[in-house]
Amino acid sequence: MSGTRVREMTLDDCARVAEIRVRGWRTAYEGLIPRSYLDGLSVPEDAARRRRTLEQGDGVVVNLVAERDGSVVGWACHGPHRDSEARSGEVELYAIYVHPDVLGQGVGQALLRESADRCAAAGHERMLLWVLKENAPARRFYEKAGFRPDGAEEPFEADGVAVPEVRYARVLTGGGAD
């Protein structure tokens, strides 16, 4: 993890974050999500969406990037738990993606730790996230960081195909990923 710096995302980071996100989807979800869906992902469209989201944001959703040697190599995003009309006080990790060239080098751990630490400092007691049921590497990553499935499942639809997701939860006690 040495040499990794986590900071808040800026508009200047949007293109690189989109590149990491799209490449991350195509790498991590190969064989789990229909190829047609993965092929339809567009870096320019994703970058434009990220820019709009940051420009219109009210600070409730937090976007973080991880840098190494001045280059963005990862991205994470968290905010209020999305499944509840009434705010439960729980927080959700919406996304975390790391450039495939630095997988396994602690970048994801640094992003997750910073997200969890910020959420704990803001008074949140529990963090939730959704992960594809068949994404064994991601599930191991989250379990190593103290997350556990809480029994909730739902399908994510990709080009008409239901892809099952499971929800994970972790009590926030002030520490992020170990």
Protein backbone atom coordinates (compact mmCIF):
# COMPACT_ATOMS: atom_id res chain seq x y z
CA MET A 1 0.00 0.00 0.00
CA SER A 2 3.06 2.21 0.23
CA GLY A 3 2.90 5.21 -2.07
CA THR A 4 -0.92 5.23 -2.29
CA ARG A 5 -2.65 8.50 -1.49
CA VAL A 6 -6.45 8.67 -1.16
CA ARG A 7 -8.18 12.00 -1.74
CA GLU A 8 -11.52 13.40 -2.86
CA MET A 9 -12.27 13.13 -6.55
CA THR A 10 -12.25 16.29 -8.68
CA LEU A 11 -13.71 17.09 -12.10
CA ASP A 12 -10.23 16.59 -13.56
CA ASP A 13 -10.36 12.94 -12.43
CA CYS A 14 -13.60 12.03 -14.23
CA ALA A 15 -12.08 10.66 -17.45
CA ARG A 16 -9.55 8.50 -15.61
CA VAL A 17 -12.18 7.23 -13.16
CA ALA A 18 -14.46 6.33 -16.08
CA GLU A 19 -11.60 4.45 -17.74
CA ILE A 20 -10.89 2.52 -14.51
CA ARG A 21 -14.59 1.79 -13.95
CA VAL A 22 -15.27 0.54 -17.48
CA ARG A 23 -12.09 -1.51 -17.59
CA GLY A 24 -12.89 -2.82 -14.11
CA TRP A 25 -16.35 -3.95 -15.22
CA ARG A 26 -14.97 -5.65 -18.32
CA THR A 27 -12.28 -7.42 -16.28
CA ALA A 28 -14.15 -8.33 -13.10
CA TYR A 29 -17.48 -9.27 -14.66
CA GLU A 30 -16.29 -11.28 -17.66
CA GLY A 31 -18.49 -14.38 -17.74
CA LEU A 32 -20.77 -13.00 -15.02
CA ILE A 33 -22.56 -10.29 -17.02
CA PRO A 34 -23.56 -10.63 -20.70
CA ARG A 35 -20.78 -9.61 -23.07
CA SER A 36 -23.24 -7.35 -24.93
CA TYR A 37 -23.70 -5.28 -21.78
CA LEU A 38 -19.96 -5.03 -21.11
CA ASP A 39 -19.26 -4.10 -24.75
CA GLY A 40 -21.89 -1.35 -24.50
CA LEU A 41 -20.05 0.45 -21.71
CA SER A 42 -18.57 3.73 -22.91
CA VAL A 43 -15.72 5.60 -21.25
CA PRO A 44 -16.78 9.01 -22.68
CA GLU A 45 -20.40 8.51 -21.56
CA ASP A 46 -19.31 7.33 -18.12
CA ALA A 47 -16.94 10.31 -17.77
CA ALA A 48 -19.75 12.72 -18.71
CA ARG A 49 -22.04 11.08 -16.14
CA ARG A 50 -19.34 11.40 -13.45
CA ARG A 51 -18.85 15.09 -14.29
CA ARG A 52 -22.60 15.80 -14.08
CA THR A 53 -22.85 13.93 -10.78
CA LEU A 54 -19.95 15.87 -9.24
CA GLU A 55 -21.18 19.23 -10.55
CA GLN A 56 -24.72 18.65 -9.26
CA GLY A 57 -23.68 16.90 -6.04
CA ASP A 58 -24.63 18.19 -2.64
CA GLY A 59 -21.77 16.51 -0.79
CA VAL A 60 -23.94 13.64 0.47
CA VAL A 61 -22.28 11.18 -1.92
CA VAL A 62 -18.51 11.00 -1.46
CA ASN A 63 -16.21 10.09 -4.36
CA LEU A 64 -12.63 9.18 -3.52
CA VAL A 65 -9.66 8.38 -5.74
CA ALA A 66 -6.41 6.60 -5.00
CA GLU A 67 -3.24 7.96 -6.55
CA ARG A 68 0.19 6.50 -7.08
CA ASP A 69 3.00 8.61 -8.50
CA GLY A 70 0.45 11.30 -9.43
CA SER A 71 -1.76 8.91 -11.43
CA VAL A 72 -5.27 7.89 -10.39
CA VAL A 73 -5.34 4.08 -9.99
CA GLY A 74 -8.61 3.54 -8.10
CA TRP A 75 -11.99 4.98 -7.23
CA ALA A 76 -14.58 4.45 -4.51
CA CYS A 77 -17.95 6.04 -3.86
CA HIS A 78 -20.20 5.94 -0.80
CA GLY A 79 -23.31 7.65 0.50
CA PRO A 80 -26.67 7.08 2.17
CA HIS A 81 -28.10 3.57 2.00
CA ARG A 82 -30.24 3.53 -1.17
CA ASP A 83 -32.76 0.81 -0.32
CA SER A 84 -34.69 2.75 2.24
CA GLU A 85 -37.16 5.57 1.65
CA ALA A 86 -36.68 6.58 5.26
CA ARG A 87 -33.05 7.33 6.05
CA SER A 88 -31.83 4.58 8.32
CA GLY A 89 -28.53 6.22 9.16
CA GLU A 90 -26.73 3.39 7.42
CA VAL A 91 -24.25 4.13 4.69
CA GLU A 92 -23.61 2.23 1.48
CA LEU A 93 -20.43 1.65 -0.47
CA TYR A 94 -21.78 2.15 -3.99
CA ALA A 95 -18.63 1.25 -5.88
CA ILE A 96 -14.96 0.50 -5.62
CA TYR A 97 -12.78 -0.15 -8.65
CA VAL A 98 -9.03 -0.49 -9.00
CA HIS A 99 -7.03 -0.41 -12.22
CA PRO A 100 -6.30 -4.06 -13.14
CA ASP A 101 -2.55 -3.33 -13.29
CA VAL A 102 -2.46 -2.64 -9.52
CA LEU A 103 -4.89 -5.29 -8.26
CA GLY A 104 -3.62 -6.99 -5.12
CA GLN A 105 -1.30 -4.10 -4.22
CA GLY A 106 -3.40 -2.57 -1.43
CA VAL A 107 -5.12 0.16 -3.46
CA GLY A 108 -8.60 -1.27 -2.87
CA GLN A 109 -7.82 -1.71 0.83
CA ALA A 110 -6.73 1.94 1.07
CA LEU A 111 -9.92 3.15 -0.61
CA LEU A 112 -12.14 0.93 1.53
CA ARG A 113 -10.35 1.96 4.71
CA GLU A 114 -10.74 5.67 3.91
CA SER A 115 -14.45 5.25 3.04
CA ALA A 116 -15.15 3.27 6.22
CA ASP A 117 -13.15 5.69 8.38
CA ARG A 118 -15.00 8.72 6.97
CA CYS A 119 -18.36 7.02 7.50
CA ALA A 120 -17.50 6.02 11.07
CA ALA A 121 -16.28 9.56 11.80
CA ALA A 122 -19.60 10.90 10.47
CA GLY A 123 -21.43 8.76 13.02
CA HIS A 124 -22.59 5.89 10.82
CA GLU A 125 -22.75 2.59 12.65
CA ARG A 126 -22.99 0.21 9.70
CA MET A 127 -21.84 0.09 6.08
CA LEU A 128 -23.66 -1.93 3.43
CA LEU A 129 -22.70 -2.90 -0.12
CA TRP A 130 -23.97 -5.07 -2.96
CA VAL A 131 -21.74 -7.54 -4.78
CA LEU A 132 -22.45 -9.98 -7.60
CA LYS A 133 -23.20 -13.35 -6.04
CA GLU A 134 -20.77 -15.16 -8.36
CA ASN A 135 -17.94 -12.62 -7.98
CA ALA A 136 -15.79 -14.75 -5.66
CA PRO A 137 -12.70 -12.48 -5.70
CA ALA A 138 -14.74 -9.41 -4.66
CA ARG A 139 -16.56 -11.38 -1.99
CA ARG A 140 -13.23 -12.56 -0.54
CA PHE A 141 -11.95 -8.98 -0.57
CA TYR A 142 -14.96 -7.71 1.38
CA GLU A 143 -14.96 -10.65 3.79
CA LYS A 144 -11.28 -10.04 4.55
CA ALA A 145 -12.27 -6.46 5.44
CA GLY A 146 -14.91 -7.68 7.91
CA PHE A 147 -18.04 -7.58 5.74
CA ARG A 148 -20.50 -10.47 5.92
CA PRO A 149 -23.56 -11.37 3.82
CA ASP A 150 -26.70 -10.26 5.68
CA GLY A 151 -29.15 -12.50 3.80
CA ALA A 152 -30.53 -9.90 1.37
CA GLU A 153 -30.38 -10.78 -2.33
CA GLU A 154 -31.71 -9.13 -5.45
CA PRO A 155 -31.12 -9.40 -9.18
CA PHE A 156 -29.26 -6.78 -11.20
CA GLU A 157 -30.52 -6.75 -14.78
CA ALA A 158 -27.99 -6.56 -17.61
CA ASP A 159 -29.34 -6.75 -21.17
CA GLY A 160 -32.39 -8.66 -20.00
CA VAL A 161 -30.42 -11.17 -17.93
CA ALA A 162 -30.92 -11.29 -14.16
CA VAL A 163 -27.56 -11.30 -12.42
CA PRO A 164 -27.95 -12.05 -8.69
CA GLU A 165 -26.39 -9.74 -6.12
CA VAL A 166 -25.96 -10.30 -2.39
CA ARG A 167 -25.80 -7.60 0.24
CA TYR A 168 -22.92 -7.44 2.68
CA ALA A 169 -22.79 -5.47 5.93
CA ARG A 170 -20.14 -4.45 8.41
CA VAL A 171 -20.30 -2.66 11.73
CA LEU A 172 -18.17 0.47 11.64
CA THR A 173 -16.03 0.82 14.72
CA GLY A 174 -13.70 3.49 13.44
CA GLY A 175 -11.43 1.27 11.34
CA GLY A 176 -11.51 0.55 7.64
CA ALA A 177 -10.21 -2.43 5.71
CA ASP A 178 -7.56 -4.36 7.53
